Amino acid sequence: MDAKRDIDYRDAFLPTMEGLSRAGALLVAADSQGRASGMTIGWGSIGIIWRLPVFTVLVRHSRNTLHLVEEAGDFTVNVLPPELDEALAYWGKVSGRDVDKWANSGLRPAPSRRVRSPIVEQGILHFECRVIYRGDMIPGNLQPDLVSKLYASGDYHRIYYGEILACYGAP
């Protein structure tokens, strides 16, 4: 039995933004074989684009998660409770290319409702999203002070617009 209840994504906006600004959230995707991994994100946005509810996430080209989202065509965003901040930090420090983040962090994947990529079982909020647009940042279109501050290494982001197909969480 699924103890998590559906939530209108608009009602999840404030707790999600608080989670992102506090310690981040987990972006999770699965490859074609169902192997899932992901990364901690601190940047994201929820809004309406093309008359659809959308969660926008950014993934650097150097991240293993980029190829997972590309393969899956979907992703989940999972807000964790504060007591799991250490696991959240771990997911941001190591690469899924090198280690099994699930086994080493104590987090558990769980089947999602509408997409192939799993959710994080211990999460308090989950967004299931299907990629409806992707685009690489154009460095010349970004303010120079942000380029020097955030992209000194040249490792720019690909921006994903994910249609929110489901939003739910702990009661």
C-alpha atoms as a PDB file:
ATOM      1  CA  MET A   1       0.000   0.000   0.000  1.00  0.00           C
ATOM      2  CA  ASP A   2       1.293   3.451  -0.956  1.00  0.00           C
ATOM      3  CA  ALA A   3       1.153   5.665   2.152  1.00  0.00           C
ATOM      4  CA  LYS A   4       2.057   8.791   0.190  1.00  0.00           C
ATOM      5  CA  ARG A   5      -0.740  11.057  -0.945  1.00  0.00           C
ATOM      6  CA  ASP A   6      -1.186  13.096  -4.096  1.00  0.00           C
ATOM      7  CA  ILE A   7      -0.349  16.770  -3.705  1.00  0.00           C
ATOM      8  CA  ASP A   8      -1.132  19.608  -6.063  1.00  0.00           C
ATOM      9  CA  TYR A   9       2.299  20.684  -7.302  1.00  0.00           C
ATOM     10  CA  ARG A  10       1.415  24.312  -6.472  1.00  0.00           C
ATOM     11  CA  ASP A  11       0.967  23.339  -2.818  1.00  0.00           C
ATOM     12  CA  ALA A  12       4.411  21.699  -2.886  1.00  0.00           C
ATOM     13  CA  PHE A  13       6.133  24.839  -4.194  1.00  0.00           C
ATOM     14  CA  LEU A  14       7.189  26.442  -0.883  1.00  0.00           C
ATOM     15  CA  PRO A  15       8.436  23.272   0.846  1.00  0.00           C
ATOM     16  CA  THR A  16      10.342  22.349  -2.327  1.00  0.00           C
ATOM     17  CA  MET A  17      12.002  25.756  -2.601  1.00  0.00           C
ATOM     18  CA  GLU A  18      12.860  25.583   1.109  1.00  0.00           C
ATOM     19  CA  GLY A  19      14.440  22.153   0.582  1.00  0.00           C
ATOM     20  CA  LEU A  20      16.434  23.356  -2.428  1.00  0.00           C
ATOM     21  CA  SER A  21      17.752  26.387  -0.574  1.00  0.00           C
ATOM     22  CA  ARG A  22      18.438  24.490   2.686  1.00  0.00           C
ATOM     23  CA  ALA A  23      20.356  21.398   1.574  1.00  0.00           C
ATOM     24  CA  GLY A  24      19.077  20.614  -1.905  1.00  0.00           C
ATOM     25  CA  ALA A  25      16.982  17.830  -3.353  1.00  0.00           C
ATOM     26  CA  LEU A  26      17.792  14.614  -5.187  1.00  0.00           C
ATOM     27  CA  LEU A  27      17.388  14.377  -8.946  1.00  0.00           C
ATOM     28  CA  VAL A  28      17.118  10.700  -9.918  1.00  0.00           C
ATOM     29  CA  ALA A  29      17.022   9.012 -13.324  1.00  0.00           C
ATOM     30  CA  ALA A  30      17.480   5.451 -14.602  1.00  0.00           C
ATOM     31  CA  ASP A  31      19.284   4.111 -17.639  1.00  0.00           C
ATOM     32  CA  SER A  32      17.690   1.746 -20.167  1.00  0.00           C
ATOM     33  CA  GLN A  33      18.632  -1.236 -17.969  1.00  0.00           C
ATOM     34  CA  GLY A  34      16.860   0.315 -14.981  1.00  0.00           C
ATOM     35  CA  ARG A  35      20.064   1.206 -13.098  1.00  0.00           C
ATOM     36  CA  ALA A  36      19.260   4.384 -11.233  1.00  0.00           C
ATOM     37  CA  SER A  37      21.460   7.052  -9.771  1.00  0.00           C
ATOM     38  CA  GLY A  38      21.353  10.795  -9.547  1.00  0.00           C
ATOM     39  CA  MET A  39      22.688  13.892  -7.925  1.00  0.00           C
ATOM     40  CA  THR A  40      21.998  16.567  -5.381  1.00  0.00           C
ATOM     41  CA  ILE A  41      20.564  19.730  -6.903  1.00  0.00           C
ATOM     42  CA  GLY A  42      20.369  23.166  -5.342  1.00  0.00           C
ATOM     43  CA  TRP A  43      18.965  24.932  -8.379  1.00  0.00           C
ATOM     44  CA  GLY A  44      15.521  24.338  -9.821  1.00  0.00           C
ATOM     45  CA  SER A  45      12.293  26.037 -10.651  1.00  0.00           C
ATOM     46  CA  ILE A  46       8.609  25.155 -10.736  1.00  0.00           C
ATOM     47  CA  GLY A  47       6.240  26.994 -13.039  1.00  0.00           C
ATOM     48  CA  ILE A  48       3.972  26.959 -16.044  1.00  0.00           C
ATOM     49  CA  ILE A  49       5.516  26.673 -19.514  1.00  0.00           C
ATOM     50  CA  TRP A  50       3.550  25.844 -22.659  1.00  0.00           C
ATOM     51  CA  ARG A  51       0.456  25.657 -20.420  1.00  0.00           C
ATOM     52  CA  LEU A  52       1.990  22.709 -18.573  1.00  0.00           C
ATOM     53  CA  PRO A  53       3.217  22.390 -14.989  1.00  0.00           C
ATOM     54  CA  VAL A  54       7.010  22.164 -15.289  1.00  0.00           C
ATOM     55  CA  PHE A  55       9.972  21.471 -13.020  1.00  0.00           C
ATOM     56  CA  THR A  56      13.153  22.925 -14.524  1.00  0.00           C
ATOM     57  CA  VAL A  57      16.470  21.368 -13.472  1.00  0.00           C
ATOM     58  CA  LEU A  58      20.073  21.974 -14.500  1.00  0.00           C
ATOM     59  CA  VAL A  59      22.662  19.225 -14.968  1.00  0.00           C
ATOM     60  CA  ARG A  60      26.319  19.868 -15.777  1.00  0.00           C
ATOM     61  CA  HIS A  61      27.748  18.054 -18.789  1.00  0.00           C
ATOM     62  CA  SER A  62      30.384  16.410 -16.585  1.00  0.00           C
ATOM     63  CA  ARG A  63      27.775  14.674 -14.416  1.00  0.00           C
ATOM     64  CA  ASN A  64      26.922  10.998 -14.788  1.00  0.00           C
ATOM     65  CA  THR A  65      23.295  12.005 -14.247  1.00  0.00           C
ATOM     66  CA  LEU A  66      23.243  13.780 -17.618  1.00  0.00           C
ATOM     67  CA  HIS A  67      23.408  10.538 -19.594  1.00  0.00           C
ATOM     68  CA  LEU A  68      20.822   8.943 -17.278  1.00  0.00           C
ATOM     69  CA  VAL A  69      18.288  11.714 -17.913  1.00  0.00           C
ATOM     70  CA  GLU A  70      19.058  11.536 -21.631  1.00  0.00           C
ATOM     71  CA  GLU A  71      18.475   7.765 -21.685  1.00  0.00           C
ATOM     72  CA  ALA A  72      15.394   7.823 -19.486  1.00  0.00           C
ATOM     73  CA  GLY A  73      13.653  10.830 -20.972  1.00  0.00           C
ATOM     74  CA  ASP A  74      12.308  11.408 -17.482  1.00  0.00           C
ATOM     75  CA  PHE A  75      13.457  12.124 -13.936  1.00  0.00           C
ATOM     76  CA  THR A  76      12.221  12.498 -10.393  1.00  0.00           C
ATOM     77  CA  VAL A  77      12.959  15.292  -7.942  1.00  0.00           C
ATOM     78  CA  ASN A  78      12.861  14.209  -4.311  1.00  0.00           C
ATOM     79  CA  VAL A  79      12.844  16.468  -1.261  1.00  0.00           C
ATOM     80  CA  LEU A  80      14.293  14.741   1.796  1.00  0.00           C
ATOM     81  CA  PRO A  81      13.702  15.499   5.481  1.00  0.00           C
ATOM     82  CA  PRO A  82      16.469  17.415   7.313  1.00  0.00           C
ATOM     83  CA  GLU A  83      17.626  14.296   9.166  1.00  0.00           C
ATOM     84  CA  LEU A  84      18.860  12.949   5.800  1.00  0.00           C
ATOM     85  CA  ASP A  85      21.041  15.962   4.981  1.00  0.00           C
ATOM     86  CA  GLU A  86      24.182  13.842   5.352  1.00  0.00           C
ATOM     87  CA  ALA A  87      22.970  11.390   2.689  1.00  0.00           C
ATOM     88  CA  LEU A  88      21.980  14.326   0.498  1.00  0.00           C
ATOM     89  CA  ALA A  89      25.476  15.801   0.840  1.00  0.00           C
ATOM     90  CA  TYR A  90      27.021  12.421  -0.004  1.00  0.00           C
ATOM     91  CA  TRP A  91      25.052  12.238  -3.268  1.00  0.00           C
ATOM     92  CA  GLY A  92      26.510  15.617  -4.199  1.00  0.00           C
ATOM     93  CA  LYS A  93      30.125  14.640  -3.500  1.00  0.00           C
ATOM     94  CA  VAL A  94      30.562  11.300  -5.293  1.00  0.00           C
ATOM     95  CA  SER A  95      29.846  10.057  -8.798  1.00  0.00           C
ATOM     96  CA  GLY A  96      27.513   7.200  -9.613  1.00  0.00           C
ATOM     97  CA  ARG A  97      30.118   6.170 -12.185  1.00  0.00           C
ATOM     98  CA  ASP A  98      32.392   5.140  -9.306  1.00  0.00           C
ATOM     99  CA  VAL A  99      30.146   4.056  -6.426  1.00  0.00           C
ATOM    100  CA  ASP A 100      26.680   2.753  -5.625  1.00  0.00           C
ATOM    101  CA  LYS A 101      25.175   5.824  -4.007  1.00  0.00           C
ATOM    102  CA  TRP A 102      22.104   3.895  -2.837  1.00  0.00           C
ATOM    103  CA  ALA A 103      24.103   1.281  -0.924  1.00  0.00           C
ATOM    104  CA  ASN A 104      26.558   3.775   0.547  1.00  0.00           C
ATOM    105  CA  SER A 105      24.016   6.379   1.686  1.00  0.00           C
ATOM    106  CA  GLY A 106      21.271   4.212   3.137  1.00  0.00           C
ATOM    107  CA  LEU A 107      18.717   5.714   0.757  1.00  0.00           C
ATOM    108  CA  ARG A 108      16.378   3.330  -1.041  1.00  0.00           C
ATOM    109  CA  PRO A 109      14.875   3.587  -4.516  1.00  0.00           C
ATOM    110  CA  ALA A 110      11.154   2.923  -4.844  1.00  0.00           C
ATOM    111  CA  PRO A 111       9.016   2.568  -7.955  1.00  0.00           C
ATOM    112  CA  SER A 112       7.515   5.775  -9.227  1.00  0.00           C
ATOM    113  CA  ARG A 113       3.900   6.042 -10.344  1.00  0.00           C
ATOM    114  CA  ARG A 114       4.151   7.540 -13.835  1.00  0.00           C
ATOM    115  CA  VAL A 115       7.771   7.476 -15.040  1.00  0.00           C
ATOM    116  CA  ARG A 116      10.501   4.846 -15.301  1.00  0.00           C
ATOM    117  CA  SER A 117      12.964   6.626 -13.000  1.00  0.00           C
ATOM    118  CA  PRO A 118      12.463   5.756  -9.326  1.00  0.00           C
ATOM    119  CA  ILE A 119      11.771   8.004  -6.383  1.00  0.00           C
ATOM    120  CA  VAL A 120      13.712   8.050  -3.105  1.00  0.00           C
ATOM    121  CA  GLU A 121      11.606   6.053  -0.649  1.00  0.00           C
ATOM    122  CA  GLN A 122      12.536   8.219   2.358  1.00  0.00           C
ATOM    123  CA  GLY A 123      11.611  11.451   0.569  1.00  0.00           C
ATOM    124  CA  ILE A 124       8.870  13.684   1.886  1.00  0.00           C
ATOM    125  CA  LEU A 125       7.978  15.149  -1.542  1.00  0.00           C
ATOM    126  CA  HIS A 126       8.304  13.641  -4.997  1.00  0.00           C
ATOM    127  CA  PHE A 127       7.895  15.092  -8.459  1.00  0.00           C
ATOM    128  CA  GLU A 128       7.760  12.745 -11.441  1.00  0.00           C
ATOM    129  CA  CYS A 129       8.668  14.527 -14.655  1.00  0.00           C
ATOM    130  CA  ARG A 130       8.907  13.703 -18.340  1.00  0.00           C
ATOM    131  CA  VAL A 131      11.453  15.692 -20.315  1.00  0.00           C
ATOM    132  CA  ILE A 132       9.634  17.967 -22.749  1.00  0.00           C
ATOM    133  CA  TYR A 133      12.577  20.204 -23.656  1.00  0.00           C
ATOM    134  CA  ARG A 134      16.324  20.250 -23.177  1.00  0.00           C
ATOM    135  CA  GLY A 135      18.809  22.898 -24.093  1.00  0.00           C
ATOM    136  CA  ASP A 136      22.461  23.614 -23.511  1.00  0.00           C
ATOM    137  CA  MET A 137      23.402  26.920 -21.959  1.00  0.00           C
ATOM    138  CA  ILE A 138      24.882  29.463 -24.322  1.00  0.00           C
ATOM    139  CA  PRO A 139      27.744  31.058 -22.356  1.00  0.00           C
ATOM    140  CA  GLY A 140      27.532  34.332 -24.295  1.00  0.00           C
ATOM    141  CA  ASN A 141      23.913  34.767 -23.186  1.00  0.00           C
ATOM    142  CA  LEU A 142      24.769  34.627 -19.484  1.00  0.00           C
ATOM    143  CA  GLN A 143      25.797  37.680 -17.476  1.00  0.00           C
ATOM    144  CA  PRO A 144      29.636  37.807 -17.367  1.00  0.00           C
ATOM    145  CA  ASP A 145      29.731  38.040 -13.562  1.00  0.00           C
ATOM    146  CA  LEU A 146      27.824  34.740 -13.330  1.00  0.00           C
ATOM    147  CA  VAL A 147      30.130  33.100 -15.871  1.00  0.00           C
ATOM    148  CA  SER A 148      33.217  34.012 -13.850  1.00  0.00           C
ATOM    149  CA  LYS A 149      31.568  33.112 -10.539  1.00  0.00           C
ATOM    150  CA  LEU A 150      29.817  29.843 -11.481  1.00  0.00           C
ATOM    151  CA  TYR A 151      31.443  28.558 -14.672  1.00  0.00           C
ATOM    152  CA  ALA A 152      35.145  29.334 -14.390  1.00  0.00           C
ATOM    153  CA  SER A 153      35.944  25.737 -15.402  1.00  0.00           C
ATOM    154  CA  GLY A 154      33.683  25.922 -18.461  1.00  0.00           C
ATOM    155  CA  ASP A 155      31.469  23.065 -17.214  1.00  0.00           C
ATOM    156  CA  TYR A 156      28.109  24.479 -18.258  1.00  0.00           C
ATOM    157  CA  HIS A 157      24.669  23.029 -17.658  1.00  0.00           C
ATOM    158  CA  ARG A 158      22.081  21.403 -19.829  1.00  0.00           C
ATOM    159  CA  ILE A 159      18.675  22.688 -18.785  1.00  0.00           C
ATOM    160  CA  TYR A 160      15.794  20.212 -18.654  1.00  0.00           C
ATOM    161  CA  TYR A 161      12.155  21.185 -18.619  1.00  0.00           C
ATOM    162  CA  GLY A 162      10.186  18.320 -17.111  1.00  0.00           C
ATOM    163  CA  GLU A 163       6.415  18.206 -17.313  1.00  0.00           C
ATOM    164  CA  ILE A 164       5.195  17.354 -13.816  1.00  0.00           C
ATOM    165  CA  LEU A 165       3.146  14.178 -14.270  1.00  0.00           C
ATOM    166  CA  ALA A 166       2.767  13.378 -10.559  1.00  0.00           C
ATOM    167  CA  CYS A 167       3.454  15.112  -7.266  1.00  0.00           C
ATOM    168  CA  TYR A 168       2.982  13.359  -3.945  1.00  0.00           C
ATOM    169  CA  GLY A 169       4.468  13.012  -0.508  1.00  0.00           C
ATOM    170  CA  ALA A 170       4.255  11.849   3.043  1.00  0.00           C
ATOM    171  CA  PRO A 171       0.980  12.636   4.785  1.00  0.00           C
END
